[in-house]
Protein backbone atom coordinates (compact mmCIF):
# COMPACT_ATOMS: atom_id res chain seq x y z
CA UNK A 1 44.87 -25.49 -17.69
CA UNK A 2 47.10 -26.63 -14.87
CA UNK A 3 46.22 -26.76 -11.19
CA UNK A 4 48.16 -23.58 -10.27
CA UNK A 5 46.28 -21.68 -13.00
CA UNK A 6 42.93 -23.00 -11.77
CA UNK A 7 43.81 -22.00 -8.20
CA UNK A 8 44.80 -18.49 -9.30
CA UNK A 9 41.55 -18.08 -11.25
CA UNK A 10 39.47 -19.36 -8.33
CA UNK A 11 41.25 -16.95 -5.96
CA UNK A 12 40.69 -14.04 -8.35
CA UNK A 13 36.99 -14.87 -8.66
CA UNK A 14 36.69 -15.03 -4.87
CA UNK A 15 38.27 -11.57 -4.57
CA UNK A 16 35.94 -10.19 -7.24
CA UNK A 17 32.94 -11.67 -5.41
CA UNK A 18 34.02 -9.98 -2.18
CA UNK A 19 34.51 -6.64 -3.92
CA UNK A 20 31.09 -6.82 -5.55
CA UNK A 21 29.48 -7.88 -2.27
CA UNK A 22 31.13 -4.94 -0.53
CA UNK A 23 29.76 -2.56 -3.13
CA UNK A 24 26.31 -4.11 -2.88
CA UNK A 25 26.25 -3.86 0.90
CA UNK A 26 27.89 -0.46 1.41
CA UNK A 27 24.61 1.22 2.37
CA UNK A 28 23.50 -1.50 4.81
CA UNK A 29 24.37 -0.93 8.46
CA UNK A 30 26.72 -3.40 10.13
CA UNK A 31 23.98 -4.46 12.55
CA UNK A 32 21.62 -5.43 9.72
CA UNK A 33 23.17 -8.81 8.91
CA UNK A 34 19.88 -10.39 7.84
CA UNK A 35 19.44 -7.69 5.18
CA UNK A 36 22.97 -8.31 3.94
CA UNK A 37 22.20 -12.02 3.70
CA UNK A 38 18.96 -11.30 1.84
CA UNK A 39 20.72 -9.12 -0.74
CA UNK A 40 23.50 -11.62 -1.33
CA UNK A 41 21.01 -14.48 -1.60
CA UNK A 42 19.03 -12.50 -4.20
CA UNK A 43 22.26 -12.21 -6.21
CA UNK A 44 22.55 -15.98 -6.28
CA UNK A 45 25.28 -16.57 -3.72
CA UNK A 46 25.24 -19.86 -1.84
CA UNK A 47 25.07 -19.97 1.97
CA UNK A 48 28.73 -20.97 2.31
CA UNK A 49 29.82 -18.09 0.05
CA UNK A 50 27.73 -15.60 2.01
CA UNK A 51 29.15 -16.93 5.27
CA UNK A 52 32.71 -16.41 4.02
CA UNK A 53 31.92 -12.88 2.84
CA UNK A 54 30.31 -11.86 6.12
CA UNK A 55 32.70 -13.73 8.40
CA UNK A 56 30.06 -16.01 9.88
CA UNK A 57 29.00 -19.65 9.56
CA UNK A 58 26.88 -21.41 6.95
CA UNK A 59 24.47 -22.40 9.72
CA UNK A 60 23.94 -18.76 10.71
CA UNK A 61 23.22 -17.88 7.09
CA UNK A 62 20.90 -20.88 6.73
CA UNK A 63 18.87 -19.85 9.76
CA UNK A 64 18.58 -16.29 8.44
CA UNK A 65 17.49 -17.54 5.00
CA UNK A 66 14.89 -19.79 6.61
CA UNK A 67 13.60 -16.85 8.66
CA UNK A 68 13.39 -14.67 5.54
CA UNK A 69 11.46 -17.35 3.67
CA UNK A 70 9.06 -17.83 6.59
CA UNK A 71 8.37 -14.10 6.74
CA UNK A 72 7.84 -13.99 2.98
CA UNK A 73 5.39 -16.90 3.12
CA UNK A 74 3.53 -15.22 5.95
CA UNK A 75 3.00 -12.06 3.91
CA UNK A 76 1.52 -13.99 1.01
CA UNK A 77 -1.05 -15.89 3.09
CA UNK A 78 -4.58 -14.63 3.31
CA UNK A 79 -6.19 -14.42 6.66
CA UNK A 80 -9.25 -16.56 7.10
CA UNK A 81 -12.28 -14.51 6.22
CA UNK A 82 -15.29 -14.78 8.52
CA UNK A 83 -17.76 -17.42 7.44
CA UNK A 84 -21.02 -16.32 5.97
CA UNK A 85 -24.05 -18.51 6.45
């Protein structure tokens, strides 16, 4: 495969990814960016890919992913039970 063919394929795959992301996110409100990021992350997209799809930066996506992970960890933790003597 030559370089122009590889470029065309890469461009086509990028368009397909955007279409699929649009379909996946159609029911999420525009203001709910963190939910969009969560859905795309669950589908296996990398931070840079998500950033391109949503028109933001990789750093913004990274912070959102970190926040989502922190919240998830917090839900799984047990609260300290009172000590019994």
